[in-house]
C-alpha atoms as a PDB file:
ATOM      1  CA  UNK A   1      34.501  78.938-121.955  1.00  0.00           C
ATOM      2  CA  UNK A   2      37.088  79.025-124.722  1.00  0.00           C
ATOM      3  CA  UNK A   3      35.191  76.399-126.688  1.00  0.00           C
ATOM      4  CA  UNK A   4      32.071  78.586-126.565  1.00  0.00           C
ATOM      5  CA  UNK A   5      33.965  81.475-128.138  1.00  0.00           C
ATOM      6  CA  UNK A   6      35.492  79.169-130.721  1.00  0.00           C
ATOM      7  CA  UNK A   7      32.080  77.804-131.652  1.00  0.00           C
ATOM      8  CA  UNK A   8      30.679  81.323-131.911  1.00  0.00           C
ATOM      9  CA  UNK A   9      33.587  82.330-134.145  1.00  0.00           C
ATOM     10  CA  UNK A  10      33.125  79.284-136.377  1.00  0.00           C
ATOM     11  CA  UNK A  11      29.389  79.941-136.708  1.00  0.00           C
ATOM     12  CA  UNK A  12      30.059  83.589-137.547  1.00  0.00           C
ATOM     13  CA  UNK A  13      32.606  82.630-140.197  1.00  0.00           C
ATOM     14  CA  UNK A  14      30.247  80.054-141.716  1.00  0.00           C
ATOM     15  CA  UNK A  15      27.407  82.576-141.878  1.00  0.00           C
ATOM     16  CA  UNK A  16      29.699  85.204-143.362  1.00  0.00           C
ATOM     17  CA  UNK A  17      31.016  82.783-145.991  1.00  0.00           C
ATOM     18  CA  UNK A  18      27.507  81.615-146.848  1.00  0.00           C
ATOM     19  CA  UNK A  19      26.291  85.184-147.249  1.00  0.00           C
ATOM     20  CA  UNK A  20      29.362  86.066-149.336  1.00  0.00           C
ATOM     21  CA  UNK A  21      28.868  83.233-151.801  1.00  0.00           C
ATOM     22  CA  UNK A  22      25.114  83.839-152.012  1.00  0.00           C
ATOM     23  CA  UNK A  23      25.599  87.522-152.865  1.00  0.00           C
ATOM     24  CA  UNK A  24      28.334  86.635-155.355  1.00  0.00           C
ATOM     25  CA  UNK A  25      26.033  84.075-156.974  1.00  0.00           C
ATOM     26  CA  UNK A  26      23.306  86.701-157.390  1.00  0.00           C
ATOM     27  CA  UNK A  27      25.776  89.248-158.799  1.00  0.00           C
ATOM     28  CA  UNK A  28      27.245  86.735-161.240  1.00  0.00           C
ATOM     29  CA  UNK A  29      23.801  85.514-162.343  1.00  0.00           C
ATOM     30  CA  UNK A  30      22.573  89.020-163.174  1.00  0.00           C
ATOM     31  CA  UNK A  31      25.787  89.847-165.012  1.00  0.00           C
ATOM     32  CA  UNK A  32      25.659  86.608-167.017  1.00  0.00           C
ATOM     33  CA  UNK A  33      22.047  87.216-167.973  1.00  0.00           C
ATOM     34  CA  UNK A  34      22.851  90.718-169.218  1.00  0.00           C
ATOM     35  CA  UNK A  35      25.908  89.424-171.078  1.00  0.00           C
ATOM     36  CA  UNK A  36      23.718  86.834-172.791  1.00  0.00           C
ATOM     37  CA  UNK A  37      21.189  89.518-173.775  1.00  0.00           C
ATOM     38  CA  UNK A  38      23.968  91.673-175.233  1.00  0.00           C
ATOM     39  CA  UNK A  39      25.269  88.702-177.233  1.00  0.00           C
ATOM     40  CA  UNK A  40      21.784  88.077-178.631  1.00  0.00           C
ATOM     41  CA  UNK A  41      21.517  91.733-179.618  1.00  0.00           C
ATOM     42  CA  UNK A  42      24.949  91.473-181.234  1.00  0.00           C
ATOM     43  CA  UNK A  43      23.698  88.588-183.383  1.00  0.00           C
ATOM     44  CA  UNK A  44      20.594  90.566-184.361  1.00  0.00           C
ATOM     45  CA  UNK A  45      22.730  93.538-185.358  1.00  0.00           C
ATOM     46  CA  UNK A  46      24.964  91.310-187.480  1.00  0.00           C
ATOM     47  CA  UNK A  47      21.873  89.969-189.251  1.00  0.00           C
ATOM     48  CA  UNK A  48      20.689  93.530-189.906  1.00  0.00           C
ATOM     49  CA  UNK A  49      24.084  94.470-191.319  1.00  0.00           C
ATOM     50  CA  UNK A  50      23.818  91.579-193.766  1.00  0.00           C
ATOM     51  CA  UNK A  51      20.406  92.848-194.874  1.00  0.00           C
ATOM     52  CA  UNK A  52      21.836  96.318-195.357  1.00  0.00           C
ATOM     53  CA  UNK A  53      24.766  94.886-197.315  1.00  0.00           C
ATOM     54  CA  UNK A  54      22.281  92.966-199.461  1.00  0.00           C
ATOM     55  CA  UNK A  55      20.453  96.218-200.158  1.00  0.00           C
ATOM     56  CA  UNK A  56      23.698  97.899-201.229  1.00  0.00           C
ATOM     57  CA  UNK A  57      24.940  95.020-203.404  1.00  0.00           C
ATOM     58  CA  UNK A  58      21.658  94.388-205.190  1.00  0.00           C
ATOM     59  CA  UNK A  59      20.514  98.018-205.086  1.00  0.00           C
ATOM     60  CA  UNK A  60      17.161  97.132-203.582  1.00  0.00           C
ATOM     61  CA  UNK A  61      16.449  99.699-200.838  1.00  0.00           C
ATOM     62  CA  UNK A  62      12.699  99.635-201.500  1.00  0.00           C
ATOM     63  CA  UNK A  63      12.737  95.919-200.819  1.00  0.00           C
ATOM     64  CA  UNK A  64      14.771  95.934-197.612  1.00  0.00           C
ATOM     65  CA  UNK A  65      14.587  99.405-196.017  1.00  0.00           C
ATOM     66  CA  UNK A  66      11.085  99.063-194.491  1.00  0.00           C
ATOM     67  CA  UNK A  67      12.079  95.791-192.823  1.00  0.00           C
ATOM     68  CA  UNK A  68      15.378  97.257-191.653  1.00  0.00           C
ATOM     69  CA  UNK A  69      13.611 100.310-190.214  1.00  0.00           C
ATOM     70  CA  UNK A  70      11.451  98.076-188.040  1.00  0.00           C
ATOM     71  CA  UNK A  71      14.405  95.944-186.944  1.00  0.00           C
ATOM     72  CA  UNK A  72      16.702  98.827-186.026  1.00  0.00           C
ATOM     73  CA  UNK A  73      13.950 100.558-184.043  1.00  0.00           C
ATOM     74  CA  UNK A  74      13.459  97.346-182.077  1.00  0.00           C
ATOM     75  CA  UNK A  75      17.198  96.948-181.495  1.00  0.00           C
ATOM     76  CA  UNK A  76      17.612 100.497-180.215  1.00  0.00           C
ATOM     77  CA  UNK A  77      14.724  99.982-177.778  1.00  0.00           C
ATOM     78  CA  UNK A  78      16.231  96.710-176.550  1.00  0.00           C
ATOM     79  CA  UNK A  79      19.611  98.340-175.989  1.00  0.00           C
ATOM     80  CA  UNK A  80      17.978 101.145-174.011  1.00  0.00           C
ATOM     81  CA  UNK A  81      16.298  98.580-171.761  1.00  0.00           C
ATOM     82  CA  UNK A  82      19.630  96.804-171.286  1.00  0.00           C
ATOM     83  CA  UNK A  83      21.250 100.099-170.286  1.00  0.00           C
ATOM     84  CA  UNK A  84      18.794 100.347-167.392  1.00  0.00           C
ATOM     85  CA  UNK A  85      19.679  96.785-166.375  1.00  0.00           C
ATOM     86  CA  UNK A  86      23.383  97.617-166.505  1.00  0.00           C
ATOM     87  CA  UNK A  87      22.884 100.656-164.281  1.00  0.00           C
ATOM     88  CA  UNK A  88      21.001  98.500-161.799  1.00  0.00           C
ATOM     89  CA  UNK A  89      23.775  95.906-161.766  1.00  0.00           C
ATOM     90  CA  UNK A  90      26.454  98.579-161.307  1.00  0.00           C
ATOM     91  CA  UNK A  91      24.636 100.131-158.353  1.00  0.00           C
ATOM     92  CA  UNK A  92      23.939  96.833-156.568  1.00  0.00           C
ATOM     93  CA  UNK A  93      26.933  94.710-157.580  1.00  0.00           C
ATOM     94  CA  UNK A  94      29.095  94.327-154.485  1.00  0.00           C
ATOM     95  CA  UNK A  95      31.664  91.722-155.418  1.00  0.00           C
ATOM     96  CA  UNK A  96      32.158  91.250-159.157  1.00  0.00           C
ATOM     97  CA  UNK A  97      33.663  93.770-161.558  1.00  0.00           C
ATOM     98  CA  UNK A  98      31.261  95.090-164.183  1.00  0.00           C
ATOM     99  CA  UNK A  99      34.018  96.669-166.311  1.00  0.00           C
ATOM    100  CA  UNK A 100      34.080  93.955-169.040  1.00  0.00           C
ATOM    101  CA  UNK A 101      30.289  94.019-169.279  1.00  0.00           C
ATOM    102  CA  UNK A 102      30.215  97.801-169.495  1.00  0.00           C
ATOM    103  CA  UNK A 103      32.880  97.810-172.207  1.00  0.00           C
ATOM    104  CA  UNK A 104      30.825  95.336-174.239  1.00  0.00           C
ATOM    105  CA  UNK A 105      27.745  97.511-173.814  1.00  0.00           C
ATOM    106  CA  UNK A 106      29.579 100.671-174.913  1.00  0.00           C
ATOM    107  CA  UNK A 107      30.898  98.941-178.040  1.00  0.00           C
ATOM    108  CA  UNK A 108      27.433  97.605-178.855  1.00  0.00           C
ATOM    109  CA  UNK A 109      25.973 101.065-178.334  1.00  0.00           C
ATOM    110  CA  UNK A 110      28.545 102.604-180.677  1.00  0.00           C
ATOM    111  CA  UNK A 111      28.019  99.860-183.246  1.00  0.00           C
ATOM    112  CA  UNK A 112      24.269 100.425-183.273  1.00  0.00           C
ATOM    113  CA  UNK A 113      24.686 104.188-183.673  1.00  0.00           C
ATOM    114  CA  UNK A 114      27.117 103.690-186.586  1.00  0.00           C
ATOM    115  CA  UNK A 115      24.719 101.205-188.162  1.00  0.00           C
ATOM    116  CA  UNK A 116      21.974 103.831-187.883  1.00  0.00           C
ATOM    117  CA  UNK A 117      24.165 106.294-189.815  1.00  0.00           C
ATOM    118  CA  UNK A 118      24.829 103.658-192.466  1.00  0.00           C
ATOM    119  CA  UNK A 119      21.109 102.924-192.690  1.00  0.00           C
ATOM    120  CA  UNK A 120      20.391 106.615-193.318  1.00  0.00           C
ATOM    121  CA  UNK A 121      22.976 106.758-196.112  1.00  0.00           C
ATOM    122  CA  UNK A 122      21.452 103.729-197.862  1.00  0.00           C
ATOM    123  CA  UNK A 123      17.745 104.227-197.193  1.00  0.00           C
ATOM    124  CA  UNK A 124      17.729 108.025-197.234  1.00  0.00           C
ATOM    125  CA  UNK A 125      16.070 108.658-193.887  1.00  0.00           C
ATOM    126  CA  UNK A 126      14.980 107.080-190.636  1.00  0.00           C
ATOM    127  CA  UNK A 127      12.209 107.790-188.172  1.00  0.00           C
ATOM    128  CA  UNK A 128      14.772 107.669-185.345  1.00  0.00           C
ATOM    129  CA  UNK A 129      16.267 110.940-184.097  1.00  0.00           C
ATOM    130  CA  UNK A 130      19.500 110.103-182.248  1.00  0.00           C
ATOM    131  CA  UNK A 131      20.978 112.227-179.473  1.00  0.00           C
ATOM    132  CA  UNK A 132      24.545 111.530-178.403  1.00  0.00           C
ATOM    133  CA  UNK A 133      25.191 112.157-174.729  1.00  0.00           C
ATOM    134  CA  UNK A 134      28.683 112.330-173.211  1.00  0.00           C
ATOM    135  CA  UNK A 135      29.314 112.172-169.474  1.00  0.00           C
ATOM    136  CA  UNK A 136      32.256 111.286-167.174  1.00  0.00           C
ATOM    137  CA  UNK A 137      32.101 107.741-165.836  1.00  0.00           C
ATOM    138  CA  UNK A 138      32.659 107.168-162.098  1.00  0.00           C
ATOM    139  CA  UNK A 139      32.908 110.889-161.417  1.00  0.00           C
ATOM    140  CA  UNK A 140      30.510 113.128-159.536  1.00  0.00           C
ATOM    141  CA  UNK A 141      28.886 115.530-161.996  1.00  0.00           C
ATOM    142  CA  UNK A 142      25.709 117.265-160.844  1.00  0.00           C
ATOM    143  CA  UNK A 143      25.008 118.800-164.257  1.00  0.00           C
ATOM    144  CA  UNK A 144      25.482 115.398-165.905  1.00  0.00           C
ATOM    145  CA  UNK A 145      22.895 113.776-163.650  1.00  0.00           C
ATOM    146  CA  UNK A 146      20.495 116.622-164.383  1.00  0.00           C
ATOM    147  CA  UNK A 147      21.148 116.312-168.122  1.00  0.00           C
ATOM    148  CA  UNK A 148      20.507 112.569-168.009  1.00  0.00           C
ATOM    149  CA  UNK A 149      17.142 113.180-166.335  1.00  0.00           C
ATOM    150  CA  UNK A 150      16.232 115.726-169.019  1.00  0.00           C
ATOM    151  CA  UNK A 151      17.190 113.316-171.803  1.00  0.00           C
ATOM    152  CA  UNK A 152      15.232 110.448-170.247  1.00  0.00           C
ATOM    153  CA  UNK A 153      12.193 112.708-170.010  1.00  0.00           C
ATOM    154  CA  UNK A 154      12.533 113.674-173.680  1.00  0.00           C
ATOM    155  CA  UNK A 155      12.894 110.059-174.718  1.00  0.00           C
ATOM    156  CA  UNK A 156       9.726 109.155-172.808  1.00  0.00           C
ATOM    157  CA  UNK A 157       7.857 112.057-174.393  1.00  0.00           C
ATOM    158  CA  UNK A 158       9.162 111.732-177.964  1.00  0.00           C
ATOM    159  CA  UNK A 159       8.782 108.232-179.394  1.00  0.00           C
ATOM    160  CA  UNK A 160      11.208 108.996-182.242  1.00  0.00           C
ATOM    161  CA  UNK A 161      14.101 110.121-180.007  1.00  0.00           C
ATOM    162  CA  UNK A 162      16.765 107.668-178.879  1.00  0.00           C
ATOM    163  CA  UNK A 163      19.686 108.449-176.574  1.00  0.00           C
ATOM    164  CA  UNK A 164      23.159 107.019-177.224  1.00  0.00           C
ATOM    165  CA  UNK A 165      25.189 107.642-174.059  1.00  0.00           C
ATOM    166  CA  UNK A 166      28.986 107.366-173.956  1.00  0.00           C
ATOM    167  CA  UNK A 167      31.427 107.835-171.050  1.00  0.00           C
ATOM    168  CA  UNK A 168      33.706 110.670-172.134  1.00  0.00           C
ATOM    169  CA  UNK A 169      36.647 109.395-170.090  1.00  0.00           C
ATOM    170  CA  UNK A 170      36.668 105.782-171.273  1.00  0.00           C
ATOM    171  CA  UNK A 171      39.740 104.731-173.255  1.00  0.00           C
ATOM    172  CA  UNK A 172      38.100 103.134-176.284  1.00  0.00           C
ATOM    173  CA  UNK A 173      39.126 103.975-179.824  1.00  0.00           C
ATOM    174  CA  UNK A 174      35.608 104.286-181.227  1.00  0.00           C
ATOM    175  CA  UNK A 175      34.504 106.611-178.430  1.00  0.00           C
ATOM    176  CA  UNK A 176      37.602 108.766-178.910  1.00  0.00           C
ATOM    177  CA  UNK A 177      36.902 109.002-182.642  1.00  0.00           C
ATOM    178  CA  UNK A 178      33.277 110.030-182.090  1.00  0.00           C
ATOM    179  CA  UNK A 179      34.368 112.634-179.528  1.00  0.00           C
ATOM    180  CA  UNK A 180      36.937 114.027-181.959  1.00  0.00           C
ATOM    181  CA  UNK A 181      34.405 114.151-184.795  1.00  0.00           C
ATOM    182  CA  UNK A 182      32.030 116.279-182.743  1.00  0.00           C
ATOM    183  CA  UNK A 183      34.693 118.215-180.799  1.00  0.00           C
ATOM    184  CA  UNK A 184      33.468 117.009-177.417  1.00  0.00           C
ATOM    185  CA  UNK A 185      35.666 118.616-174.746  1.00  0.00           C
ATOM    186  CA  UNK A 186      33.307 119.258-171.815  1.00  0.00           C
ATOM    187  CA  UNK A 187      30.883 117.380-169.580  1.00  0.00           C
ATOM    188  CA  UNK A 188      28.057 117.040-170.121  1.00  0.00           C
ATOM    189  CA  UNK A 189      27.850 117.382-173.898  1.00  0.00           C
ATOM    190  CA  UNK A 190      25.136 116.369-176.334  1.00  0.00           C
ATOM    191  CA  UNK A 191      25.042 116.112-180.112  1.00  0.00           C
ATOM    192  CA  UNK A 192      21.745 116.876-181.845  1.00  0.00           C
ATOM    193  CA  UNK A 193      21.438 117.003-185.629  1.00  0.00           C
ATOM    194  CA  UNK A 194      25.235 116.924-186.009  1.00  0.00           C
ATOM    195  CA  UNK A 195      25.692 119.950-183.726  1.00  0.00           C
ATOM    196  CA  UNK A 196      27.500 119.759-180.378  1.00  0.00           C
ATOM    197  CA  UNK A 197      26.232 121.531-177.259  1.00  0.00           C
ATOM    198  CA  UNK A 198      28.295 121.684-174.071  1.00  0.00           C
ATOM    199  CA  UNK A 199      26.986 122.167-170.568  1.00  0.00           C
ATOM    200  CA  UNK A 200      23.511 121.563-169.193  1.00  0.00           C
ATOM    201  CA  UNK A 201      20.796 122.139-171.811  1.00  0.00           C
ATOM    202  CA  UNK A 202      17.191 122.512-170.711  1.00  0.00           C
ATOM    203  CA  UNK A 203      14.384 120.270-171.928  1.00  0.00           C
ATOM    204  CA  UNK A 204      12.777 123.116-173.856  1.00  0.00           C
ATOM    205  CA  UNK A 205      16.138 123.978-175.362  1.00  0.00           C
ATOM    206  CA  UNK A 206      16.620 120.442-176.675  1.00  0.00           C
ATOM    207  CA  UNK A 207      13.021 120.093-177.880  1.00  0.00           C
ATOM    208  CA  UNK A 208      13.557 123.262-179.896  1.00  0.00           C
ATOM    209  CA  UNK A 209      16.356 121.507-181.800  1.00  0.00           C
ATOM    210  CA  UNK A 210      14.355 118.524-183.041  1.00  0.00           C
ATOM    211  CA  UNK A 211      10.978 117.312-184.245  1.00  0.00           C
ATOM    212  CA  UNK A 212       9.321 115.468-181.397  1.00  0.00           C
ATOM    213  CA  UNK A 213       6.846 112.751-182.350  1.00  0.00           C
ATOM    214  CA  UNK A 214       4.743 112.757-179.197  1.00  0.00           C
ATOM    215  CA  UNK A 215       4.001 109.403-177.635  1.00  0.00           C
ATOM    216  CA  UNK A 216       0.308 108.540-177.555  1.00  0.00           C
END
């Protein structure tokens, strides 16, 4: 009788261990794939920065700005897609920590937004209208979830609008500097056309602050 229980225990442990390692393998694979995609985007952004530097050194914005406009629009779209992947990994990841991956994403997001500002200073304008969105990470915030839904709806409706989301409670120097620049002290907060708005802002309220290029 004892041997039967022992066998049952061994089988249970084997099944548990097999399931554990299978789930961990899936979690690690998804995280590694996203990390690889972020690294590729990092390389693309570095290439774009070199083009922008070339434009500044040789004073040739007419030669490089159209190409840079296309590239940066593509990069922003790719980063947005990766943000959805990251959210999916965070919600389903059971075993591995996503903190290093999320930190890398936040830094890449900030770098792309700063590059967009630099592009505007060199090329004069851009077809992209950025909205900065600040929310508390790993905290329940009903208004923040509602604001995120509003912003996603605007992005889907306005092909020129891109959302740059930053956790307001993350301890990263670049995020702290951006928050200080725009006096972000509440959650949620958004920045549109260099103006900060705190609290939940309606879709119509945000659309009234920008020119929306409607998607076909």
